[in-house]
Amino acid sequence: MELHQKETQNREKPLYYQPDLYREKARETARLINQVILGKEKEIKEVMLAFLANGHILLEDIPGVGKTTLAIAFSRAMELDYKRVQFTPDVMPSDLTGFSIYSREKEKFVYQPGSVFCNLLLADEINRTSPKTQSALLEVMEERRVTVEGTTRQVPQPFLVIATQNPVGSAGTQSLPEAQMDQFMVAMTLGYPDFESELSMAMGVGKVRPVDLIRSVLNGKTLLEMQKDVDRIFVKEEINRYILELITATRRHPYLERGASPRATIALVRMAKASAWLEGRDYVTPADVKSQFPYVTAHRIHMNTAARMDGIQKDEIIEQILAQIRQPYMGE
């Protein structure tokens, strides 16, 4: 059965199938970004994996740690059309989706595209804007299209969102709706750089900005081919069962009020596939699943009162689940 599945996948591969070349381009992109954002190799790799899995990224962090620079660096290395929206309270849904304005020359209403018509959108401080504007972004994140005045328009492909949000409780912020949090494939924190990395940043002040030296490694068309390549990665039934057992464990944990959704299951499969692909394998291992589980689930689970009273953190709960669920034996 497994052999048949692999043979079927091989037959579906196009004549220009070049996994090694694509994989090296992805690794080179990450290496370039590492020269711009110092000391964050793990986080940069995770962003690269999310792009390969065709998912959106949420950065939950304080201002000034390089979130915007990270998005700019990726857009330049990948030749992606990049736009940034500062999500202040006065940003309207039409600023994202576009609007129609009357043209005297054409004597009719002409549609003006909004900010989402790009390949990479940086939604900065997303938890400062109104729920109505967040809802407009939610549709395009999920459907990759917008509907304005009854007309549906597709956004360019690929379409990826890197959203940042200030720590909950900061001045002028409000919590994101759970439906929108669930649209982000992964969430992470960049955090402060280590001492040596920040020293290197200080020594470079006044020189050419590293982000201005970023060269193009690939383009949007190549990224789409990479995403198709990732989709071809083989996932054994035992691995899928392992993934579902991990997700189910979040719904039964005594310290969690609400566990991860079925969308988290799909996201974990896709991220595990991307991890396997970048490592040079055509199949997923339990290690791929374990490495991606925290990034996929942390923003989707909600602790209950008992957890808060006992001082339990989300990362502790995630580690408990990973330790409790027995991973499948993959053979030699």
C-alpha atoms as a PDB file:
ATOM      1  CA  MET A   1       0.000   0.000   0.000  1.00  0.00           C
ATOM      2  CA  GLU A   2       2.757   2.437   0.990  1.00  0.00           C
ATOM      3  CA  LEU A   3       4.811   1.468  -2.073  1.00  0.00           C
ATOM      4  CA  HIS A   4       1.798   2.106  -4.297  1.00  0.00           C
ATOM      5  CA  GLN A   5       1.304   5.557  -2.735  1.00  0.00           C
ATOM      6  CA  LYS A   6       4.941   6.472  -3.305  1.00  0.00           C
ATOM      7  CA  GLU A   7       4.825   5.246  -6.911  1.00  0.00           C
ATOM      8  CA  THR A   8       1.685   7.317  -7.502  1.00  0.00           C
ATOM      9  CA  GLN A   9       3.392  10.411  -6.090  1.00  0.00           C
ATOM     10  CA  ASN A  10       6.438   9.823  -8.300  1.00  0.00           C
ATOM     11  CA  ARG A  11       4.255   9.630 -11.409  1.00  0.00           C
ATOM     12  CA  GLU A  12       2.712  12.996 -10.508  1.00  0.00           C
ATOM     13  CA  LYS A  13       6.081  14.747 -10.429  1.00  0.00           C
ATOM     14  CA  PRO A  14       6.613  17.109 -13.394  1.00  0.00           C
ATOM     15  CA  LEU A  15       9.510  16.783 -15.808  1.00  0.00           C
ATOM     16  CA  TYR A  16      11.190  19.876 -14.329  1.00  0.00           C
ATOM     17  CA  TYR A  17      11.119  18.399 -10.821  1.00  0.00           C
ATOM     18  CA  GLN A  18      14.340  19.640  -9.159  1.00  0.00           C
ATOM     19  CA  PRO A  19      14.111  19.035  -5.402  1.00  0.00           C
ATOM     20  CA  ASP A  20      17.814  19.432  -4.678  1.00  0.00           C
ATOM     21  CA  LEU A  21      18.027  22.759  -6.503  1.00  0.00           C
ATOM     22  CA  TYR A  22      14.892  24.065  -4.803  1.00  0.00           C
ATOM     23  CA  ARG A  23      16.081  22.869  -1.422  1.00  0.00           C
ATOM     24  CA  GLU A  24      19.438  24.614  -1.797  1.00  0.00           C
ATOM     25  CA  LYS A  25      17.669  27.854  -2.751  1.00  0.00           C
ATOM     26  CA  ALA A  26      15.556  27.640   0.414  1.00  0.00           C
ATOM     27  CA  ARG A  27      18.637  27.024   2.570  1.00  0.00           C
ATOM     28  CA  GLU A  28      20.520  29.888   0.881  1.00  0.00           C
ATOM     29  CA  THR A  29      17.575  32.207   1.578  1.00  0.00           C
ATOM     30  CA  ALA A  30      17.711  31.312   5.281  1.00  0.00           C
ATOM     31  CA  ARG A  31      21.490  31.860   5.335  1.00  0.00           C
ATOM     32  CA  LEU A  32      21.084  35.350   3.866  1.00  0.00           C
ATOM     33  CA  ILE A  33      18.414  36.288   6.410  1.00  0.00           C
ATOM     34  CA  ASN A  34      20.677  35.035   9.210  1.00  0.00           C
ATOM     35  CA  GLN A  35      23.209  37.679   8.169  1.00  0.00           C
ATOM     36  CA  VAL A  36      20.582  40.366   8.676  1.00  0.00           C
ATOM     37  CA  ILE A  37      18.766  39.113  11.788  1.00  0.00           C
ATOM     38  CA  LEU A  38      21.614  37.951  13.998  1.00  0.00           C
ATOM     39  CA  GLY A  39      21.300  35.119  16.502  1.00  0.00           C
ATOM     40  CA  LYS A  40      17.824  33.977  15.375  1.00  0.00           C
ATOM     41  CA  GLU A  41      18.652  30.974  13.187  1.00  0.00           C
ATOM     42  CA  LYS A  42      15.929  28.794  14.688  1.00  0.00           C
ATOM     43  CA  GLU A  43      13.189  31.400  14.226  1.00  0.00           C
ATOM     44  CA  ILE A  44      14.286  32.226  10.673  1.00  0.00           C
ATOM     45  CA  LYS A  45      14.196  28.551   9.759  1.00  0.00           C
ATOM     46  CA  GLU A  46      10.671  28.352  11.166  1.00  0.00           C
ATOM     47  CA  VAL A  47       9.517  31.278   9.024  1.00  0.00           C
ATOM     48  CA  MET A  48      11.071  29.572   5.987  1.00  0.00           C
ATOM     49  CA  LEU A  49       9.209  26.355   6.820  1.00  0.00           C
ATOM     50  CA  ALA A  50       5.911  28.227   7.153  1.00  0.00           C
ATOM     51  CA  PHE A  51       6.446  29.791   3.725  1.00  0.00           C
ATOM     52  CA  LEU A  52       7.148  26.348   2.266  1.00  0.00           C
ATOM     53  CA  ALA A  53       3.965  25.049   3.901  1.00  0.00           C
ATOM     54  CA  ASN A  54       1.999  28.013   2.470  1.00  0.00           C
ATOM     55  CA  GLY A  55       1.045  29.290   5.913  1.00  0.00           C
ATOM     56  CA  HIS A  56       0.794  32.617   7.718  1.00  0.00           C
ATOM     57  CA  ILE A  57       3.017  33.608  10.647  1.00  0.00           C
ATOM     58  CA  LEU A  58       2.215  35.448  13.869  1.00  0.00           C
ATOM     59  CA  LEU A  59       5.050  37.162  15.746  1.00  0.00           C
ATOM     60  CA  GLU A  60       4.056  37.971  19.317  1.00  0.00           C
ATOM     61  CA  ASP A  61       6.697  40.392  20.491  1.00  0.00           C
ATOM     62  CA  ILE A  62       7.679  43.772  21.852  1.00  0.00           C
ATOM     63  CA  PRO A  63       8.566  46.570  19.400  1.00  0.00           C
ATOM     64  CA  GLY A  64      12.086  46.937  18.073  1.00  0.00           C
ATOM     65  CA  VAL A  65      13.345  43.346  17.855  1.00  0.00           C
ATOM     66  CA  GLY A  66      13.516  43.157  14.046  1.00  0.00           C
ATOM     67  CA  LYS A  67      10.100  41.905  12.946  1.00  0.00           C
ATOM     68  CA  THR A  68       9.782  44.418  10.106  1.00  0.00           C
ATOM     69  CA  THR A  69      13.382  43.880   9.002  1.00  0.00           C
ATOM     70  CA  LEU A  70      12.704  40.144   8.924  1.00  0.00           C
ATOM     71  CA  ALA A  71       9.763  40.589   6.547  1.00  0.00           C
ATOM     72  CA  ILE A  72      11.677  42.999   4.297  1.00  0.00           C
ATOM     73  CA  ALA A  73      14.665  40.640   4.122  1.00  0.00           C
ATOM     74  CA  PHE A  74      12.491  37.691   3.088  1.00  0.00           C
ATOM     75  CA  SER A  75      10.645  39.767   0.495  1.00  0.00           C
ATOM     76  CA  ARG A  76      13.927  40.814  -1.133  1.00  0.00           C
ATOM     77  CA  ALA A  77      15.538  37.378  -1.043  1.00  0.00           C
ATOM     78  CA  MET A  78      12.416  35.893  -2.634  1.00  0.00           C
ATOM     79  CA  GLU A  79      11.538  38.767  -4.989  1.00  0.00           C
ATOM     80  CA  LEU A  80       8.108  39.030  -3.405  1.00  0.00           C
ATOM     81  CA  ASP A  81       5.899  42.085  -3.807  1.00  0.00           C
ATOM     82  CA  TYR A  82       5.864  43.392  -0.240  1.00  0.00           C
ATOM     83  CA  LYS A  83       3.521  45.774   1.559  1.00  0.00           C
ATOM     84  CA  ARG A  84       3.294  46.906   5.149  1.00  0.00           C
ATOM     85  CA  VAL A  85       0.199  48.082   6.979  1.00  0.00           C
ATOM     86  CA  GLN A  86       0.396  49.682  10.412  1.00  0.00           C
ATOM     87  CA  PHE A  87      -2.797  48.489  12.081  1.00  0.00           C
ATOM     88  CA  THR A  88      -3.782  51.623  13.964  1.00  0.00           C
ATOM     89  CA  PRO A  89      -7.386  51.995  15.212  1.00  0.00           C
ATOM     90  CA  ASP A  90      -8.315  54.190  12.225  1.00  0.00           C
ATOM     91  CA  VAL A  91      -7.390  51.618   9.560  1.00  0.00           C
ATOM     92  CA  MET A  92     -10.532  50.682   7.629  1.00  0.00           C
ATOM     93  CA  PRO A  93     -11.395  47.376   5.902  1.00  0.00           C
ATOM     94  CA  SER A  94     -11.305  49.180   2.551  1.00  0.00           C
ATOM     95  CA  ASP A  95      -7.656  50.048   3.166  1.00  0.00           C
ATOM     96  CA  LEU A  96      -6.968  46.316   2.933  1.00  0.00           C
ATOM     97  CA  THR A  97      -9.508  45.068   0.416  1.00  0.00           C
ATOM     98  CA  GLY A  98      -9.716  48.131  -1.833  1.00  0.00           C
ATOM     99  CA  PHE A  99     -12.605  50.346  -2.909  1.00  0.00           C
ATOM    100  CA  SER A 100     -14.274  51.839  -5.985  1.00  0.00           C
ATOM    101  CA  ILE A 101     -14.008  55.509  -6.865  1.00  0.00           C
ATOM    102  CA  TYR A 102     -15.803  57.388  -9.639  1.00  0.00           C
ATOM    103  CA  SER A 103     -13.618  58.281 -12.626  1.00  0.00           C
ATOM    104  CA  ARG A 104     -14.714  61.300 -14.652  1.00  0.00           C
ATOM    105  CA  GLU A 105     -12.556  60.241 -17.600  1.00  0.00           C
ATOM    106  CA  LYS A 106     -14.107  56.759 -17.800  1.00  0.00           C
ATOM    107  CA  GLU A 107     -17.506  57.896 -16.481  1.00  0.00           C
ATOM    108  CA  LYS A 108     -17.791  54.908 -14.202  1.00  0.00           C
ATOM    109  CA  PHE A 109     -16.599  53.579 -10.866  1.00  0.00           C
ATOM    110  CA  VAL A 110     -13.078  52.156 -11.011  1.00  0.00           C
ATOM    111  CA  TYR A 111     -11.784  49.662  -8.482  1.00  0.00           C
ATOM    112  CA  GLN A 112      -8.656  50.642  -6.544  1.00  0.00           C
ATOM    113  CA  PRO A 113      -6.854  47.573  -5.100  1.00  0.00           C
ATOM    114  CA  GLY A 114      -6.065  47.568  -1.395  1.00  0.00           C
ATOM    115  CA  SER A 115      -2.929  46.617   0.487  1.00  0.00           C
ATOM    116  CA  VAL A 116      -3.581  42.862   0.421  1.00  0.00           C
ATOM    117  CA  PHE A 117      -2.847  42.708  -3.306  1.00  0.00           C
ATOM    118  CA  CYS A 118       0.753  41.658  -2.833  1.00  0.00           C
ATOM    119  CA  ASN A 119       2.773  38.507  -2.169  1.00  0.00           C
ATOM    120  CA  LEU A 120       3.933  39.291   1.353  1.00  0.00           C
ATOM    121  CA  LEU A 121       1.889  41.450   3.717  1.00  0.00           C
ATOM    122  CA  LEU A 122       3.324  42.660   7.005  1.00  0.00           C
ATOM    123  CA  ALA A 123       0.375  43.329   9.283  1.00  0.00           C
ATOM    124  CA  ASP A 124       2.102  45.355  11.967  1.00  0.00           C
ATOM    125  CA  GLU A 125       0.566  45.514  15.461  1.00  0.00           C
ATOM    126  CA  ILE A 126      -2.514  43.674  14.300  1.00  0.00           C
ATOM    127  CA  ASN A 127      -4.119  43.697  17.738  1.00  0.00           C
ATOM    128  CA  ARG A 128      -4.448  47.491  17.775  1.00  0.00           C
ATOM    129  CA  THR A 129      -7.057  47.798  15.020  1.00  0.00           C
ATOM    130  CA  SER A 130     -10.832  47.343  15.052  1.00  0.00           C
ATOM    131  CA  PRO A 131     -12.582  43.940  14.848  1.00  0.00           C
ATOM    132  CA  LYS A 132     -14.140  44.951  11.513  1.00  0.00           C
ATOM    133  CA  THR A 133     -10.712  45.470   9.958  1.00  0.00           C
ATOM    134  CA  GLN A 134      -9.444  42.214  11.448  1.00  0.00           C
ATOM    135  CA  SER A 135     -12.424  40.418   9.880  1.00  0.00           C
ATOM    136  CA  ALA A 136     -11.490  41.804   6.456  1.00  0.00           C
ATOM    137  CA  LEU A 137      -7.988  40.407   6.880  1.00  0.00           C
ATOM    138  CA  LEU A 138      -9.413  37.083   8.083  1.00  0.00           C
ATOM    139  CA  GLU A 139     -11.199  36.447   4.765  1.00  0.00           C
ATOM    140  CA  VAL A 140      -8.143  37.058   2.627  1.00  0.00           C
ATOM    141  CA  MET A 141      -5.935  34.941   4.909  1.00  0.00           C
ATOM    142  CA  GLU A 142      -8.297  31.992   4.672  1.00  0.00           C
ATOM    143  CA  GLU A 143      -9.615  32.276   1.116  1.00  0.00           C
ATOM    144  CA  ARG A 144      -6.764  34.152  -0.614  1.00  0.00           C
ATOM    145  CA  ARG A 145      -9.411  36.433  -2.097  1.00  0.00           C
ATOM    146  CA  VAL A 146     -11.442  39.520  -1.230  1.00  0.00           C
ATOM    147  CA  THR A 147     -15.052  40.454  -1.910  1.00  0.00           C
ATOM    148  CA  VAL A 148     -15.777  44.137  -2.513  1.00  0.00           C
ATOM    149  CA  GLU A 149     -19.215  45.399  -3.532  1.00  0.00           C
ATOM    150  CA  GLY A 150     -20.292  41.907  -4.487  1.00  0.00           C
ATOM    151  CA  THR A 151     -17.279  41.197  -6.700  1.00  0.00           C
ATOM    152  CA  THR A 152     -14.724  38.579  -5.667  1.00  0.00           C
ATOM    153  CA  ARG A 153     -11.092  39.087  -6.634  1.00  0.00           C
ATOM    154  CA  GLN A 154      -8.179  36.707  -6.129  1.00  0.00           C
ATOM    155  CA  VAL A 155      -5.000  38.057  -4.533  1.00  0.00           C
ATOM    156  CA  PRO A 156      -1.631  37.300  -6.182  1.00  0.00           C
ATOM    157  CA  GLN A 157      -0.015  33.937  -5.535  1.00  0.00           C
ATOM    158  CA  PRO A 158       1.855  33.221  -3.410  1.00  0.00           C
ATOM    159  CA  PHE A 159       0.135  35.234  -0.692  1.00  0.00           C
ATOM    160  CA  LEU A 160       1.617  35.158   2.798  1.00  0.00           C
ATOM    161  CA  VAL A 161       1.036  37.219   5.928  1.00  0.00           C
ATOM    162  CA  ILE A 162       3.531  38.007   8.649  1.00  0.00           C
ATOM    163  CA  ALA A 163       1.519  39.612  11.441  1.00  0.00           C
ATOM    164  CA  THR A 164       2.913  41.115  14.611  1.00  0.00           C
ATOM    165  CA  GLN A 165       1.060  41.798  17.797  1.00  0.00           C
ATOM    166  CA  ASN A 166       2.100  43.637  20.911  1.00  0.00           C
ATOM    167  CA  PRO A 167       1.983  41.803  24.232  1.00  0.00           C
ATOM    168  CA  VAL A 168      -1.616  41.450  25.436  1.00  0.00           C
ATOM    169  CA  GLY A 169      -2.346  44.195  27.948  1.00  0.00           C
ATOM    170  CA  SER A 170      -0.147  46.809  26.260  1.00  0.00           C
ATOM    171  CA  ALA A 171      -1.689  50.240  25.797  1.00  0.00           C
ATOM    172  CA  GLY A 172      -4.218  50.348  22.956  1.00  0.00           C
ATOM    173  CA  THR A 173      -4.323  46.613  22.307  1.00  0.00           C
ATOM    174  CA  GLN A 174      -7.128  44.058  22.310  1.00  0.00           C
ATOM    175  CA  SER A 175      -7.066  40.301  22.037  1.00  0.00           C
ATOM    176  CA  LEU A 176      -7.417  38.784  18.579  1.00  0.00           C
ATOM    177  CA  PRO A 177     -10.544  36.688  17.976  1.00  0.00           C
ATOM    178  CA  GLU A 178      -9.919  32.952  18.295  1.00  0.00           C
ATOM    179  CA  ALA A 179     -11.002  32.418  14.678  1.00  0.00           C
ATOM    180  CA  GLN A 180      -8.264  34.751  13.490  1.00  0.00           C
ATOM    181  CA  MET A 181      -5.599  33.263  15.762  1.00  0.00           C
ATOM    182  CA  ASP A 182      -6.448  29.885  14.269  1.00  0.00           C
ATOM    183  CA  GLN A 183      -5.653  31.179  10.756  1.00  0.00           C
ATOM    184  CA  PHE A 184      -1.979  31.528  11.599  1.00  0.00           C
ATOM    185  CA  MET A 185      -0.136  28.328  10.837  1.00  0.00           C
ATOM    186  CA  VAL A 186       2.587  29.073  13.388  1.00  0.00           C
ATOM    187  CA  ALA A 187       3.273  31.637  16.088  1.00  0.00           C
ATOM    188  CA  MET A 188       6.572  32.505  17.694  1.00  0.00           C
ATOM    189  CA  THR A 189       8.550  35.145  19.553  1.00  0.00           C
ATOM    190  CA  LEU A 190      11.799  36.623  18.274  1.00  0.00           C
ATOM    191  CA  GLY A 191      12.827  37.998  21.649  1.00  0.00           C
ATOM    192  CA  TYR A 192      15.940  39.979  22.447  1.00  0.00           C
ATOM    193  CA  PRO A 193      19.168  39.038  20.652  1.00  0.00           C
ATOM    194  CA  ASP A 194      22.009  37.488  22.644  1.00  0.00           C
ATOM    195  CA  PHE A 195      24.866  39.732  23.845  1.00  0.00           C
ATOM    196  CA  GLU A 196      27.297  38.971  21.008  1.00  0.00           C
ATOM    197  CA  SER A 197      24.662  39.410  18.314  1.00  0.00           C
ATOM    198  CA  GLU A 198      23.544  42.748  19.732  1.00  0.00           C
ATOM    199  CA  LEU A 199      27.197  43.822  19.995  1.00  0.00           C
ATOM    200  CA  SER A 200      27.652  43.058  16.292  1.00  0.00           C
ATOM    201  CA  MET A 201      24.558  45.159  15.582  1.00  0.00           C
ATOM    202  CA  ALA A 202      26.015  48.074  17.577  1.00  0.00           C
ATOM    203  CA  MET A 203      29.354  47.793  15.760  1.00  0.00           C
ATOM    204  CA  GLY A 204      27.551  48.016  12.433  1.00  0.00           C
ATOM    205  CA  VAL A 205      25.727  51.280  13.161  1.00  0.00           C
ATOM    206  CA  GLY A 206      26.622  53.904  10.565  1.00  0.00           C
ATOM    207  CA  LYS A 207      27.586  51.366   7.914  1.00  0.00           C
ATOM    208  CA  VAL A 208      25.474  50.006   5.062  1.00  0.00           C
ATOM    209  CA  ARG A 209      22.378  48.268   6.389  1.00  0.00           C
ATOM    210  CA  PRO A 210      22.689  44.486   5.950  1.00  0.00           C
ATOM    211  CA  VAL A 211      19.120  44.299   4.619  1.00  0.00           C
ATOM    212  CA  ASP A 212      20.125  46.570   1.718  1.00  0.00           C
ATOM    213  CA  LEU A 213      22.710  43.991   0.638  1.00  0.00           C
ATOM    214  CA  ILE A 214      20.197  41.138   0.368  1.00  0.00           C
ATOM    215  CA  ARG A 215      20.272  39.621  -3.103  1.00  0.00           C
ATOM    216  CA  SER A 216      17.539  37.693  -4.841  1.00  0.00           C
ATOM    217  CA  VAL A 217      17.756  33.901  -4.491  1.00  0.00           C
ATOM    218  CA  LEU A 218      14.387  32.837  -5.846  1.00  0.00           C
ATOM    219  CA  ASN A 219      11.066  34.316  -6.912  1.00  0.00           C
ATOM    220  CA  GLY A 220       7.382  33.789  -6.282  1.00  0.00           C
ATOM    221  CA  LYS A 221       7.030  31.250  -9.074  1.00  0.00           C
ATOM    222  CA  THR A 222       9.859  29.155  -7.621  1.00  0.00           C
ATOM    223  CA  LEU A 223       8.289  29.361  -4.156  1.00  0.00           C
ATOM    224  CA  LEU A 224       5.022  27.998  -5.579  1.00  0.00           C
ATOM    225  CA  GLU A 225       6.939  25.061  -7.063  1.00  0.00           C
ATOM    226  CA  MET A 226       8.612  24.479  -3.700  1.00  0.00           C
ATOM    227  CA  GLN A 227       5.214  24.398  -2.016  1.00  0.00           C
ATOM    228  CA  LYS A 228       4.022  21.797  -4.520  1.00  0.00           C
ATOM    229  CA  ASP A 229       7.197  19.842  -3.837  1.00  0.00           C
ATOM    230  CA  VAL A 230       6.466  19.884  -0.097  1.00  0.00           C
ATOM    231  CA  ASP A 231       2.937  18.606  -0.741  1.00  0.00           C
ATOM    232  CA  ARG A 232       4.431  15.473  -2.343  1.00  0.00           C
ATOM    233  CA  ILE A 233       6.216  14.439   0.865  1.00  0.00           C
ATOM    234  CA  PHE A 234       4.993  11.032   2.035  1.00  0.00           C
ATOM    235  CA  VAL A 235       3.320  10.730   5.461  1.00  0.00           C
ATOM    236  CA  LYS A 236       2.893   7.241   6.878  1.00  0.00           C
ATOM    237  CA  GLU A 237      -0.415   6.378   8.529  1.00  0.00           C
ATOM    238  CA  GLU A 238       1.336   5.862  11.884  1.00  0.00           C
ATOM    239  CA  ILE A 239       2.692   9.414  11.681  1.00  0.00           C
ATOM    240  CA  ASN A 240      -0.764  10.809  10.988  1.00  0.00           C
ATOM    241  CA  ARG A 241      -2.082   8.885  13.983  1.00  0.00           C
ATOM    242  CA  TYR A 242       0.751  10.285  16.108  1.00  0.00           C
ATOM    243  CA  ILE A 243      -0.138  13.820  14.999  1.00  0.00           C
ATOM    244  CA  LEU A 244      -3.801  13.311  15.838  1.00  0.00           C
ATOM    245  CA  GLU A 245      -2.952  11.822  19.242  1.00  0.00           C
ATOM    246  CA  LEU A 246      -0.872  14.895  20.071  1.00  0.00           C
ATOM    247  CA  ILE A 247      -3.653  17.272  19.010  1.00  0.00           C
ATOM    248  CA  THR A 248      -6.285  15.227  20.870  1.00  0.00           C
ATOM    249  CA  ALA A 249      -4.137  15.349  24.009  1.00  0.00           C
ATOM    250  CA  THR A 250      -4.439  19.160  24.031  1.00  0.00           C
ATOM    251  CA  ARG A 251      -8.223  18.778  24.207  1.00  0.00           C
ATOM    252  CA  ARG A 252      -8.049  16.446  27.210  1.00  0.00           C
ATOM    253  CA  HIS A 253      -5.295  18.049  29.254  1.00  0.00           C
ATOM    254  CA  PRO A 254      -6.474  18.986  32.772  1.00  0.00           C
ATOM    255  CA  TYR A 255      -4.809  22.411  32.568  1.00  0.00           C
ATOM    256  CA  LEU A 256      -6.353  23.393  29.231  1.00  0.00           C
ATOM    257  CA  GLU A 257      -9.777  24.955  28.843  1.00  0.00           C
ATOM    258  CA  ARG A 258      -9.679  24.556  25.073  1.00  0.00           C
ATOM    259  CA  GLY A 259      -7.383  22.476  22.915  1.00  0.00           C
ATOM    260  CA  ALA A 260      -6.165  22.790  19.347  1.00  0.00           C
ATOM    261  CA  SER A 261      -8.629  22.730  16.453  1.00  0.00           C
ATOM    262  CA  PRO A 262      -8.758  20.350  13.464  1.00  0.00           C
ATOM    263  CA  ARG A 263      -7.086  23.140  11.499  1.00  0.00           C
ATOM    264  CA  ALA A 264      -4.107  22.640  13.813  1.00  0.00           C
ATOM    265  CA  THR A 265      -3.954  18.985  12.735  1.00  0.00           C
ATOM    266  CA  ILE A 266      -3.710  20.033   9.090  1.00  0.00           C
ATOM    267  CA  ALA A 267      -1.151  22.716   9.927  1.00  0.00           C
ATOM    268  CA  LEU A 268       1.010  20.227  11.830  1.00  0.00           C
ATOM    269  CA  VAL A 269       0.977  17.804   8.889  1.00  0.00           C
ATOM    270  CA  ARG A 270       1.997  20.557   6.480  1.00  0.00           C
ATOM    271  CA  MET A 271       4.732  21.918   8.743  1.00  0.00           C
ATOM    272  CA  ALA A 272       6.105  18.416   9.344  1.00  0.00           C
ATOM    273  CA  LYS A 273       6.206  17.886   5.583  1.00  0.00           C
ATOM    274  CA  ALA A 274       8.098  21.162   5.130  1.00  0.00           C
ATOM    275  CA  SER A 275      10.561  20.138   7.848  1.00  0.00           C
ATOM    276  CA  ALA A 276      11.193  16.790   6.173  1.00  0.00           C
ATOM    277  CA  TRP A 277      11.621  18.402   2.755  1.00  0.00           C
ATOM    278  CA  LEU A 278      14.148  20.953   3.992  1.00  0.00           C
ATOM    279  CA  GLU A 279      16.115  18.161   5.681  1.00  0.00           C
ATOM    280  CA  GLY A 280      16.367  16.328   2.374  1.00  0.00           C
ATOM    281  CA  ARG A 281      13.876  13.523   3.022  1.00  0.00           C
ATOM    282  CA  ASP A 282      10.803  12.503   1.045  1.00  0.00           C
ATOM    283  CA  TYR A 283       8.985  11.205   4.131  1.00  0.00           C
ATOM    284  CA  VAL A 284       8.018  12.590   7.559  1.00  0.00           C
ATOM    285  CA  THR A 285       9.522  11.275  10.801  1.00  0.00           C
ATOM    286  CA  PRO A 286       8.337  11.713  14.411  1.00  0.00           C
ATOM    287  CA  ALA A 287      11.184  14.210  14.902  1.00  0.00           C
ATOM    288  CA  ASP A 288       9.639  16.488  12.265  1.00  0.00           C
ATOM    289  CA  VAL A 289       6.325  16.387  14.114  1.00  0.00           C
ATOM    290  CA  LYS A 290       7.854  17.000  17.550  1.00  0.00           C
ATOM    291  CA  SER A 291       9.894  19.982  16.350  1.00  0.00           C
ATOM    292  CA  GLN A 292       6.839  21.701  14.856  1.00  0.00           C
ATOM    293  CA  PHE A 293       4.241  20.844  17.505  1.00  0.00           C
ATOM    294  CA  PRO A 294       5.025  23.808  19.824  1.00  0.00           C
ATOM    295  CA  TYR A 295       4.902  26.388  17.008  1.00  0.00           C
ATOM    296  CA  VAL A 296       1.611  25.069  15.660  1.00  0.00           C
ATOM    297  CA  THR A 297      -0.277  24.668  18.947  1.00  0.00           C
ATOM    298  CA  ALA A 298       0.945  27.300  21.429  1.00  0.00           C
ATOM    299  CA  HIS A 299      -1.292  30.084  20.100  1.00  0.00           C
ATOM    300  CA  ARG A 300      -4.283  27.761  19.702  1.00  0.00           C
ATOM    301  CA  ILE A 301      -4.564  26.370  23.232  1.00  0.00           C
ATOM    302  CA  HIS A 302      -6.140  28.180  26.182  1.00  0.00           C
ATOM    303  CA  MET A 303      -5.193  27.532  29.791  1.00  0.00           C
ATOM    304  CA  ASN A 304      -7.858  27.224  32.469  1.00  0.00           C
ATOM    305  CA  THR A 305      -8.042  28.803  35.901  1.00  0.00           C
ATOM    306  CA  ALA A 306      -6.267  25.879  37.563  1.00  0.00           C
ATOM    307  CA  ALA A 307      -3.239  26.338  35.315  1.00  0.00           C
ATOM    308  CA  ARG A 308      -3.044  30.040  36.097  1.00  0.00           C
ATOM    309  CA  MET A 309      -3.396  29.435  39.823  1.00  0.00           C
ATOM    310  CA  ASP A 310      -0.657  26.795  39.756  1.00  0.00           C
ATOM    311  CA  GLY A 311       1.619  29.013  37.694  1.00  0.00           C
ATOM    312  CA  ILE A 312       1.771  26.570  34.784  1.00  0.00           C
ATOM    313  CA  GLN A 313       3.069  27.901  31.456  1.00  0.00           C
ATOM    314  CA  LYS A 314       2.034  26.811  27.972  1.00  0.00           C
ATOM    315  CA  ASP A 315       5.471  25.490  27.098  1.00  0.00           C
ATOM    316  CA  GLU A 316       5.352  23.198  30.145  1.00  0.00           C
ATOM    317  CA  ILE A 317       2.011  21.761  29.010  1.00  0.00           C
ATOM    318  CA  ILE A 318       3.349  21.213  25.493  1.00  0.00           C
ATOM    319  CA  GLU A 319       6.420  19.429  26.841  1.00  0.00           C
ATOM    320  CA  GLN A 320       4.204  17.222  29.006  1.00  0.00           C
ATOM    321  CA  ILE A 321       2.109  16.202  26.013  1.00  0.00           C
ATOM    322  CA  LEU A 322       5.171  15.425  23.897  1.00  0.00           C
ATOM    323  CA  ALA A 323       6.562  13.277  26.716  1.00  0.00           C
ATOM    324  CA  GLN A 324       3.284  11.436  27.364  1.00  0.00           C
ATOM    325  CA  ILE A 325       2.345  10.500  23.790  1.00  0.00           C
ATOM    326  CA  ARG A 326       4.376   7.554  22.555  1.00  0.00           C
ATOM    327  CA  GLN A 327       5.908   8.214  19.164  1.00  0.00           C
ATOM    328  CA  PRO A 328       5.619   5.513  16.495  1.00  0.00           C
ATOM    329  CA  TYR A 329       8.461   3.185  15.623  1.00  0.00           C
ATOM    330  CA  MET A 330       9.631   3.859  12.076  1.00  0.00           C
ATOM    331  CA  GLY A 331      11.931   0.866  11.660  1.00  0.00           C
ATOM    332  CA  GLU A 332      15.491   1.067  10.404  1.00  0.00           C
END
